[in-house]
């Protein structure tokens, strides 16, 4: 991989496993690295592994990882000339991207204008409709001081439905409503949460598809109207609307549906002159295979290693090279996929207690060895503290094999060898999901965990 010339040092405005993952590619490209960290993260691996590190505030994200001015100060103090946001925190904040560029630094991501357009769910839906991509039926936007029309919109859509934050993402700011009696209360609660999490309390209503698949297309645009896709990922296994297991190819979906979704995703990128890595998400009716645009994530995804494992492409390297001007195009025919990859998210949480986070000290933490068919991404090591301030993700385990069943069995073996003690985790729950007959047969949907939760928990207790 050729060294990048116009970027020499990258600050990663993030923490934990994603910061370490970006640093790994930076080292391969011959680039310097800068970590930022809160007081709670002082001893974590991403801080120790960076060439330079800067403390940016107290543990609370609102006082550290979400403070734009402190990240800019860290970049200028360390001589960084580029910023990679990772995922979460400020990664889809158009104001942050604009501040980076205005300060003379290189922003490794889409343009602020694109982030603003696609990060707003309502505007993104309008863009999808303009390029003739079907969207899930939904309502207009409702502000906190504009409840009029909420009941009428719900009557038109029908129940059950979803109340969604306009600026939400990652399953945050999304609640199901089953009847008119609870609509107003759920709407107010969602608006309150959205205001705190995103600084935008507007919401909209969306029809709920009873048996749905969550399938997303990995895209990469060059900022000039050209774009390619790197195939799909199935992210249907979720708890609380947040992903737990992802895989590619998506099992059981006809090949022509895969192709049509990929074409729709690329058309959205072309229409917006999208720049860099992104993900176009679709909800697929598990009965009819009709698919609808859901949203676009204008950043690298948590589950991007799944795509890297089947294509052999380094998505982070592509992001950096595009920002540096050394990657200007890529032909669709040059992107190939082989085999099957599955990713499991190992969380510090208690599945028996509604997946509540389980912070504490990692008394024992021994990930399995990583041969070529297995990859472990983590920000922790033995004796580290898992604090309550951030997402409880401990590690991502990604397994590859020539077939889905072989990848599934490889993952079960890897998780069984992952030693963790001192806190509760979802390790055994993940194994139960992988061994479940319906999952083994590829019969997955977004309701899989909710519908089989008692059965899965019983398997864990045995």
Protein backbone atom coordinates (compact mmCIF):
# COMPACT_ATOMS: atom_id res chain seq x y z
CA UNK A 1 0.00 0.00 0.00
CA UNK A 2 1.58 3.29 -1.07
CA UNK A 3 2.20 5.96 1.55
CA UNK A 4 -0.12 8.96 1.54
CA UNK A 5 1.85 12.13 0.80
CA UNK A 6 -0.52 15.05 1.41
CA UNK A 7 -1.55 13.85 4.88
CA UNK A 8 1.15 13.19 7.44
CA UNK A 9 -0.62 12.91 10.81
CA UNK A 10 -4.21 11.87 11.59
CA UNK A 11 -6.11 12.71 14.76
CA UNK A 12 -8.92 10.27 15.47
CA UNK A 13 -11.78 12.04 17.22
CA UNK A 14 -12.97 8.89 18.91
CA UNK A 15 -12.01 6.19 21.42
CA UNK A 16 -11.55 2.46 21.96
CA UNK A 17 -11.66 -0.13 19.21
CA UNK A 18 -12.50 2.19 16.31
CA UNK A 19 -9.62 4.52 17.18
CA UNK A 20 -7.24 1.55 17.31
CA UNK A 21 -8.59 0.22 14.02
CA UNK A 22 -7.97 3.56 12.26
CA UNK A 23 -4.49 3.83 13.79
CA UNK A 24 -3.65 0.40 12.35
CA UNK A 25 -4.31 1.58 8.81
CA UNK A 26 -2.49 4.86 9.48
CA UNK A 27 0.62 2.92 10.45
CA UNK A 28 0.35 0.85 7.27
CA UNK A 29 0.19 4.08 5.27
CA UNK A 30 3.15 5.57 7.12
CA UNK A 31 1.10 8.23 8.89
CA UNK A 32 1.49 9.66 12.38
CA UNK A 33 -1.39 9.23 14.83
CA UNK A 34 -2.99 11.34 17.55
CA UNK A 35 -5.42 10.05 20.18
CA UNK A 36 -7.83 12.11 22.23
CA UNK A 37 -9.20 10.83 25.51
CA UNK A 38 -11.34 11.70 28.49
CA UNK A 39 -10.26 11.31 32.10
CA UNK A 40 -12.11 7.97 32.23
CA UNK A 41 -10.10 6.62 29.28
CA UNK A 42 -6.61 7.56 30.43
CA UNK A 43 -5.34 3.98 30.57
CA UNK A 44 -7.00 2.56 27.46
CA UNK A 45 -5.13 0.98 24.57
CA UNK A 46 -5.93 3.62 21.97
CA UNK A 47 -4.16 6.21 24.13
CA UNK A 48 -1.07 4.05 24.63
CA UNK A 49 -0.78 3.07 20.96
CA UNK A 50 -0.99 6.54 19.40
CA UNK A 51 2.16 8.52 18.62
CA UNK A 52 0.68 11.43 20.59
CA UNK A 53 -2.32 11.80 22.88
CA UNK A 54 -4.25 14.70 24.36
CA UNK A 55 -6.66 14.83 27.30
CA UNK A 56 -9.82 16.64 26.23
CA UNK A 57 -11.98 16.65 29.35
CA UNK A 58 -14.01 14.82 32.01
CA UNK A 59 -15.67 11.42 31.41
CA UNK A 60 -19.03 12.70 30.19
CA UNK A 61 -19.06 12.86 26.34
CA UNK A 62 -20.73 16.27 26.48
CA UNK A 63 -17.60 17.56 28.21
CA UNK A 64 -15.00 15.74 26.10
CA UNK A 65 -15.63 13.74 22.92
CA UNK A 66 -18.51 16.01 21.87
CA UNK A 67 -16.68 19.31 22.44
CA UNK A 68 -15.56 20.50 19.00
CA UNK A 69 -13.26 23.24 20.30
CA UNK A 70 -11.22 20.83 22.41
CA UNK A 71 -10.70 18.44 19.53
CA UNK A 72 -9.58 21.31 17.29
CA UNK A 73 -7.15 22.47 19.97
CA UNK A 74 -5.71 18.95 20.26
CA UNK A 75 -5.23 18.75 16.49
CA UNK A 76 -3.40 22.07 16.26
CA UNK A 77 -1.27 21.44 19.37
CA UNK A 78 -0.03 18.08 18.03
CA UNK A 79 0.48 19.18 14.44
CA UNK A 80 -2.17 16.86 13.04
CA UNK A 81 -3.21 17.82 9.54
CA UNK A 82 -6.25 15.54 9.20
CA UNK A 83 -9.14 14.34 11.38
CA UNK A 84 -10.98 11.01 11.16
CA UNK A 85 -14.19 10.92 13.22
CA UNK A 86 -14.73 7.14 13.40
CA UNK A 87 -18.39 6.39 14.19
CA UNK A 88 -20.70 7.83 16.82
CA UNK A 89 -19.94 11.03 18.76
CA UNK A 90 -19.35 13.80 16.17
CA UNK A 91 -18.99 11.57 13.10
CA UNK A 92 -22.26 12.76 11.52
CA UNK A 93 -22.17 16.31 12.81
CA UNK A 94 -22.05 18.71 9.87
CA UNK A 95 -20.94 21.58 12.11
CA UNK A 96 -17.92 19.55 13.25
CA UNK A 97 -16.93 18.69 9.67
CA UNK A 98 -17.26 22.34 8.68
CA UNK A 99 -15.16 23.45 11.67
CA UNK A 100 -12.41 21.00 10.74
CA UNK A 101 -12.26 22.23 7.16
CA UNK A 102 -12.52 25.89 8.14
CA UNK A 103 -9.53 25.50 10.46
CA UNK A 104 -7.35 24.32 7.58
CA UNK A 105 -7.39 20.61 8.48
CA UNK A 106 -8.35 17.77 6.15
CA UNK A 107 -11.68 16.18 7.01
CA UNK A 108 -11.72 12.44 6.30
CA UNK A 109 -15.38 12.08 5.47
CA UNK A 110 -18.25 13.39 3.34
CA UNK A 111 -18.78 17.10 2.79
CA UNK A 112 -20.55 18.99 5.59
CA UNK A 113 -23.41 19.68 3.15
CA UNK A 114 -23.93 15.97 2.48
CA UNK A 115 -23.77 15.11 6.17
CA UNK A 116 -26.40 17.73 6.85
CA UNK A 117 -28.68 16.51 4.07
CA UNK A 118 -28.42 12.75 4.63
CA UNK A 119 -28.13 12.94 8.41
CA UNK A 120 -31.59 14.46 8.58
CA UNK A 121 -33.89 11.47 8.08
CA UNK A 122 -36.68 13.52 6.54
CA UNK A 123 -34.43 15.25 4.00
CA UNK A 124 -32.79 11.91 3.20
CA UNK A 125 -36.19 10.40 2.45
CA UNK A 126 -36.93 13.26 0.06
CA UNK A 127 -33.63 12.66 -1.75
CA UNK A 128 -34.41 8.94 -2.05
CA UNK A 129 -37.85 9.66 -3.49
CA UNK A 130 -36.30 12.08 -6.01
CA UNK A 131 -34.19 9.25 -7.47
CA UNK A 132 -37.20 6.88 -7.45
CA UNK A 133 -36.20 4.76 -4.49
CA UNK A 134 -39.18 3.62 -2.42
CA UNK A 135 -39.32 4.78 1.20
CA UNK A 136 -41.26 3.39 4.15
CA UNK A 137 -44.53 5.35 4.41
CA UNK A 138 -44.14 8.09 6.99
CA UNK A 139 -45.37 11.44 8.23
CA UNK A 140 -44.04 14.97 8.08
CA UNK A 141 -41.70 16.29 10.74
CA UNK A 142 -43.15 17.35 14.10
CA UNK A 143 -41.39 19.91 16.30
CA UNK A 144 -41.77 19.98 20.10
CA UNK A 145 -44.15 22.93 19.91
CA UNK A 146 -46.12 21.53 16.97
CA UNK A 147 -48.11 18.45 18.08
CA UNK A 148 -51.04 19.21 15.78
CA UNK A 149 -51.58 16.54 13.20
CA UNK A 150 -49.81 13.78 15.15
CA UNK A 151 -52.99 11.77 15.76
CA UNK A 152 -54.14 12.20 12.18
CA UNK A 153 -50.81 11.08 10.78
CA UNK A 154 -50.92 7.99 12.99
CA UNK A 155 -54.41 7.13 11.77
CA UNK A 156 -53.28 7.33 8.15
CA UNK A 157 -50.21 5.13 8.75
CA UNK A 158 -51.95 2.66 11.07
CA UNK A 159 -50.61 0.83 14.12
CA UNK A 160 -48.12 -0.45 15.05
CA UNK A 161 -45.84 2.38 13.99
CA UNK A 162 -42.46 3.85 14.93
CA UNK A 163 -41.78 7.26 16.44
CA UNK A 164 -38.33 8.29 15.19
CA UNK A 165 -35.99 11.17 15.91
CA UNK A 166 -35.30 13.11 12.71
CA UNK A 167 -31.59 13.36 13.57
CA UNK A 168 -31.27 9.91 15.15
CA UNK A 169 -29.01 7.03 14.23
CA UNK A 170 -27.73 3.65 15.39
CA UNK A 171 -31.14 2.65 16.73
CA UNK A 172 -31.17 5.61 19.14
CA UNK A 173 -34.33 7.71 19.13
CA UNK A 174 -36.66 5.02 17.82
CA UNK A 175 -39.71 3.71 19.70
CA UNK A 176 -42.58 1.45 18.74
CA UNK A 177 -46.17 2.51 19.45
CA UNK A 178 -49.05 0.02 19.30
CA UNK A 179 -52.08 2.23 19.93
CA UNK A 180 -53.30 5.82 19.99
CA UNK A 181 -53.42 5.94 23.81
CA UNK A 182 -49.65 5.89 24.17
CA UNK A 183 -48.74 7.94 21.08
CA UNK A 184 -48.45 11.37 22.73
CA UNK A 185 -46.42 10.08 25.71
CA UNK A 186 -43.99 8.19 23.48
CA UNK A 187 -43.68 11.19 21.16
CA UNK A 188 -42.80 13.50 24.07
CA UNK A 189 -40.31 11.01 25.52
CA UNK A 190 -38.63 10.56 22.12
CA UNK A 191 -38.41 14.32 21.59
CA UNK A 192 -36.84 14.79 25.02
CA UNK A 193 -34.26 12.06 24.39
CA UNK A 194 -33.51 13.38 20.88
CA UNK A 195 -32.91 16.88 22.19
CA UNK A 196 -30.31 15.58 24.66
CA UNK A 197 -28.62 13.14 22.27
CA UNK A 198 -28.68 15.10 19.00
CA UNK A 199 -29.57 18.69 19.84
CA UNK A 200 -32.65 18.32 17.63
CA UNK A 201 -35.99 17.31 19.14
CA UNK A 202 -37.97 16.94 15.91
CA UNK A 203 -39.59 13.58 15.21
CA UNK A 204 -41.63 11.84 12.55
CA UNK A 205 -43.80 8.73 12.34
CA UNK A 206 -43.04 5.71 10.18
CA UNK A 207 -45.02 2.58 9.36
CA UNK A 208 -43.81 -0.53 11.20
CA UNK A 209 -43.27 -3.62 9.04
CA UNK A 210 -44.10 -6.67 11.22
CA UNK A 211 -41.59 -9.12 9.78
CA UNK A 212 -38.71 -7.12 8.41
CA UNK A 213 -35.11 -7.61 7.42
CA UNK A 214 -32.53 -4.86 7.93
CA UNK A 215 -30.17 -4.92 4.96
CA UNK A 216 -27.61 -2.23 4.19
CA UNK A 217 -25.39 -1.50 1.22
CA UNK A 218 -21.80 -0.38 1.72
CA UNK A 219 -21.12 2.45 -0.72
CA UNK A 220 -18.14 4.58 -1.62
CA UNK A 221 -18.40 7.82 -3.55
CA UNK A 222 -15.73 9.97 -5.15
CA UNK A 223 -17.40 13.36 -4.75
CA UNK A 224 -17.88 13.87 -8.48
CA UNK A 225 -21.07 11.88 -9.08
CA UNK A 226 -19.27 8.56 -9.42
CA UNK A 227 -19.85 5.87 -6.82
CA UNK A 228 -19.54 2.12 -6.29
CA UNK A 229 -20.96 -0.41 -3.86
CA UNK A 230 -19.15 -3.10 -1.89
CA UNK A 231 -22.14 -5.44 -1.55
CA UNK A 232 -24.60 -5.82 1.30
CA UNK A 233 -24.70 -6.67 4.99
CA UNK A 234 -27.65 -8.19 6.82
CA UNK A 235 -28.09 -6.53 10.22
CA UNK A 236 -31.43 -8.03 11.21
CA UNK A 237 -30.44 -9.45 14.61
CA UNK A 238 -31.03 -6.53 16.97
CA UNK A 239 -31.98 -5.75 20.53
CA UNK A 240 -33.61 -2.41 21.34
CA UNK A 241 -33.26 -1.52 17.64
CA UNK A 242 -29.47 -1.83 17.90
CA UNK A 243 -27.47 -4.38 15.93
CA UNK A 244 -25.91 -7.45 17.56
CA UNK A 245 -24.96 -9.79 14.70
CA UNK A 246 -24.19 -8.75 11.11
CA UNK A 247 -23.27 -10.84 8.09
CA UNK A 248 -22.66 -10.82 4.36
CA UNK A 249 -24.04 -11.99 2.00
CA UNK A 250 -27.59 -11.52 3.37
CA UNK A 251 -29.03 -15.06 3.61
CA UNK A 252 -32.20 -16.04 1.82
CA UNK A 253 -32.68 -12.87 -0.22
CA UNK A 254 -32.89 -13.40 -4.00
CA UNK A 255 -29.87 -12.21 -5.99
CA UNK A 256 -31.96 -9.82 -8.11
CA UNK A 257 -33.10 -8.06 -4.92
CA UNK A 258 -29.48 -7.69 -3.83
CA UNK A 259 -28.64 -6.11 -7.18
CA UNK A 260 -31.62 -3.75 -7.15
CA UNK A 261 -30.82 -2.53 -3.63
CA UNK A 262 -27.19 -1.96 -4.58
CA UNK A 263 -28.25 -0.01 -7.67
CA UNK A 264 -30.65 2.12 -5.60
CA UNK A 265 -27.91 2.88 -3.06
CA UNK A 266 -25.43 3.90 -5.74
CA UNK A 267 -28.04 6.13 -7.39
CA UNK A 268 -28.50 8.00 -4.11
CA UNK A 269 -24.73 8.51 -3.90
CA UNK A 270 -24.55 9.75 -7.46
CA UNK A 271 -27.42 12.18 -6.96
CA UNK A 272 -25.77 13.70 -3.87
CA UNK A 273 -22.22 13.57 -5.28
CA UNK A 274 -21.36 11.60 -2.18
CA UNK A 275 -17.73 11.57 -1.03
CA UNK A 276 -16.17 8.70 0.90
CA UNK A 277 -17.51 5.65 2.72
CA UNK A 278 -21.17 5.45 3.66
CA UNK A 279 -23.99 3.02 4.19
CA UNK A 280 -27.46 3.09 2.68
CA UNK A 281 -29.88 1.15 4.86
CA UNK A 282 -33.03 -0.59 3.72
CA UNK A 283 -35.88 -2.37 5.45
CA UNK A 284 -36.94 -5.47 3.52
CA UNK A 285 -40.34 -7.14 3.88
CA UNK A 286 -39.35 -10.72 4.78
CA UNK A 287 -42.44 -12.10 3.01
CA UNK A 288 -42.49 -10.19 -0.27
CA UNK A 289 -38.85 -8.98 -0.45
CA UNK A 290 -40.08 -5.47 -1.24
CA UNK A 291 -37.48 -3.05 0.05
CA UNK A 292 -37.65 0.53 1.25
CA UNK A 293 -35.01 3.17 1.92
CA UNK A 294 -34.55 3.63 5.66
CA UNK A 295 -31.63 6.04 6.13
CA UNK A 296 -28.06 6.76 5.16
CA UNK A 297 -25.13 6.75 7.57
CA UNK A 298 -22.50 9.23 6.40
CA UNK A 299 -19.57 7.55 8.17
CA UNK A 300 -17.74 4.27 8.60
CA UNK A 301 -19.99 1.65 10.21
CA UNK A 302 -19.34 -0.43 13.31
CA UNK A 303 -19.76 -3.51 11.10
CA UNK A 304 -17.47 -2.41 8.26
CA UNK A 305 -15.03 -5.34 8.92
CA UNK A 306 -17.67 -7.71 7.50
CA UNK A 307 -17.30 -6.01 4.13
CA UNK A 308 -13.52 -5.92 4.42
CA UNK A 309 -13.41 -9.65 5.11
CA UNK A 310 -15.39 -10.61 1.99
CA UNK A 311 -13.86 -8.05 -0.40
CA UNK A 312 -10.28 -7.76 0.84
CA UNK A 313 -10.63 -3.96 0.70
CA UNK A 314 -9.46 -1.65 3.49
CA UNK A 315 -12.29 0.88 3.78
CA UNK A 316 -10.38 3.14 6.16
CA UNK A 317 -7.42 3.26 3.78
CA UNK A 318 -9.82 4.18 0.97
CA UNK A 319 -11.24 7.01 3.11
CA UNK A 320 -7.79 8.40 3.88
CA UNK A 321 -6.51 8.07 0.32
CA UNK A 322 -9.58 9.81 -1.08
CA UNK A 323 -9.14 12.68 1.39
CA UNK A 324 -5.46 12.90 0.42
CA UNK A 325 -6.29 12.95 -3.29
CA UNK A 326 -4.50 9.69 -4.11
CA UNK A 327 -7.70 7.71 -4.77
CA UNK A 328 -9.76 9.26 -7.52
CA UNK A 329 -11.82 6.41 -8.96
CA UNK A 330 -12.61 2.71 -8.74
CA UNK A 331 -14.48 0.53 -11.22
CA UNK A 332 -17.38 -1.57 -9.96
CA UNK A 333 -16.03 -4.61 -11.83
CA UNK A 334 -12.83 -4.41 -9.78
CA UNK A 335 -14.73 -5.12 -6.54
CA UNK A 336 -15.36 -8.79 -5.87
CA UNK A 337 -16.72 -10.74 -2.93
CA UNK A 338 -15.84 -14.22 -1.78
CA UNK A 339 -17.08 -16.45 0.99
CA UNK A 340 -19.18 -15.43 3.98
CA UNK A 341 -18.40 -13.22 6.98
CA UNK A 342 -20.22 -12.82 10.30
CA UNK A 343 -19.62 -10.20 12.98
CA UNK A 344 -20.75 -10.49 16.60
CA UNK A 345 -20.73 -7.56 19.00
CA UNK A 346 -19.54 -8.60 22.45
CA UNK A 347 -21.13 -6.25 24.97
CA UNK A 348 -20.68 -5.67 28.69
CA UNK A 349 -24.36 -6.23 29.38
CA UNK A 350 -26.78 -8.61 31.08
CA UNK A 351 -29.18 -10.22 28.57
CA UNK A 352 -31.36 -11.55 31.42
CA UNK A 353 -32.02 -7.98 32.59
CA UNK A 354 -33.16 -6.45 29.32
CA UNK A 355 -29.55 -6.12 28.13
CA UNK A 356 -28.72 -3.54 30.74
CA UNK A 357 -25.04 -2.41 30.70
CA UNK A 358 -22.69 -4.19 33.11
CA UNK A 359 -19.75 -1.90 33.86
CA UNK A 360 -16.86 -3.03 36.04
CA UNK A 361 -13.31 -4.35 36.01
CA UNK A 362 -12.18 -6.91 33.45
CA UNK A 363 -10.62 -9.37 35.87
CA UNK A 364 -9.87 -11.70 32.98
CA UNK A 365 -9.95 -10.70 29.32
CA UNK A 366 -8.37 -13.05 26.78
CA UNK A 367 -9.55 -12.70 23.17
CA UNK A 368 -9.00 -15.72 20.90
CA UNK A 369 -6.01 -15.89 18.56
CA UNK A 370 -6.46 -14.20 15.17
CA UNK A 371 -5.56 -16.39 12.22
CA UNK A 372 -6.46 -15.15 8.75
CA UNK A 373 -10.11 -16.19 9.02
CA UNK A 374 -10.75 -14.42 12.32
CA UNK A 375 -10.49 -10.79 13.38
CA UNK A 376 -10.99 -9.27 16.84
CA UNK A 377 -11.43 -5.52 17.25
CA UNK A 378 -11.29 -4.28 20.86
CA UNK A 379 -10.32 -1.25 22.87
CA UNK A 380 -9.75 -3.11 26.12
CA UNK A 381 -7.21 -5.36 27.79
CA UNK A 382 -7.15 -7.39 30.99
CA UNK A 383 -7.73 -5.37 34.19
CA UNK A 384 -9.17 -2.36 32.35
CA UNK A 385 -12.29 -0.71 33.74
CA UNK A 386 -15.43 -0.68 31.62
CA UNK A 387 -17.03 2.59 32.72
CA UNK A 388 -20.73 3.54 32.53
CA UNK A 389 -20.04 6.66 30.46
CA UNK A 390 -19.95 5.11 26.98
CA UNK A 391 -21.46 2.40 24.81
CA UNK A 392 -20.75 -0.98 26.51
CA UNK A 393 -19.19 -2.56 23.41
CA UNK A 394 -16.20 -4.66 24.49
CA UNK A 395 -15.17 -6.16 21.18
CA UNK A 396 -16.22 -7.10 17.68
CA UNK A 397 -15.43 -10.63 16.55
CA UNK A 398 -15.47 -11.22 12.79
CA UNK A 399 -15.22 -14.69 11.26
CA UNK A 400 -14.82 -15.62 7.58
CA UNK A 401 -15.29 -18.97 5.83
CA UNK A 402 -16.13 -20.19 2.33
CA UNK A 403 -19.77 -20.86 3.35
CA UNK A 404 -22.26 -19.35 5.79
CA UNK A 405 -22.51 -22.47 7.91
CA UNK A 406 -18.75 -22.75 8.18
CA UNK A 407 -18.52 -19.07 9.17
CA UNK A 408 -21.24 -19.61 11.76
CA UNK A 409 -19.41 -22.55 13.30
CA UNK A 410 -16.11 -20.66 13.21
CA UNK A 411 -17.75 -17.83 15.13
CA UNK A 412 -19.17 -20.17 17.76
CA UNK A 413 -15.70 -21.62 18.28
CA UNK A 414 -14.11 -18.16 18.54
CA UNK A 415 -16.65 -16.89 21.07
CA UNK A 416 -16.29 -20.04 23.15
CA UNK A 417 -12.55 -19.31 23.42
CA UNK A 418 -13.06 -15.63 24.33
CA UNK A 419 -12.37 -15.52 28.09
CA UNK A 420 -14.06 -12.73 30.05
CA UNK A 421 -14.73 -12.49 33.78
CA UNK A 422 -15.40 -9.78 36.33
CA UNK A 423 -18.45 -8.41 34.50
CA UNK A 424 -21.52 -9.81 32.76
CA UNK A 425 -21.41 -10.10 28.96
CA UNK A 426 -23.65 -11.30 26.15
CA UNK A 427 -21.11 -13.93 25.02
CA UNK A 428 -23.29 -16.96 25.81
CA UNK A 429 -26.34 -15.21 24.40
CA UNK A 430 -24.52 -14.65 21.10
CA UNK A 431 -23.56 -18.33 20.98
CA UNK A 432 -27.19 -19.29 21.63
CA UNK A 433 -28.29 -17.08 18.71
CA UNK A 434 -25.71 -18.63 16.38
CA UNK A 435 -26.76 -22.16 17.38
CA UNK A 436 -30.47 -21.45 17.06
CA UNK A 437 -32.08 -23.59 14.33
CA UNK A 438 -33.85 -20.61 12.75
CA UNK A 439 -30.64 -18.57 12.56
CA UNK A 440 -28.72 -21.57 11.18
CA UNK A 441 -31.36 -21.83 8.44
CA UNK A 442 -31.05 -18.13 7.61
CA UNK A 443 -34.55 -17.36 8.88
CA UNK A 444 -33.72 -13.99 10.43
CA UNK A 445 -35.68 -10.79 10.97
CA UNK A 446 -35.53 -7.71 13.17
CA UNK A 447 -37.94 -9.38 15.59
CA UNK A 448 -35.80 -12.52 15.96
CA UNK A 449 -34.38 -11.73 19.41
CA UNK A 450 -37.61 -10.31 20.88
CA UNK A 451 -39.65 -13.27 19.67
CA UNK A 452 -37.16 -15.92 20.81
CA UNK A 453 -35.70 -14.18 23.84
CA UNK A 454 -36.97 -16.65 26.47
CA UNK A 455 -35.80 -19.61 24.40
CA UNK A 456 -32.40 -18.04 23.86
CA UNK A 457 -32.01 -17.16 27.54
CA UNK A 458 -32.96 -20.70 28.50
CA UNK A 459 -30.16 -21.98 26.26
CA UNK A 460 -27.73 -19.63 28.03
CA UNK A 461 -28.74 -20.91 31.47
CA UNK A 462 -28.14 -24.56 30.59
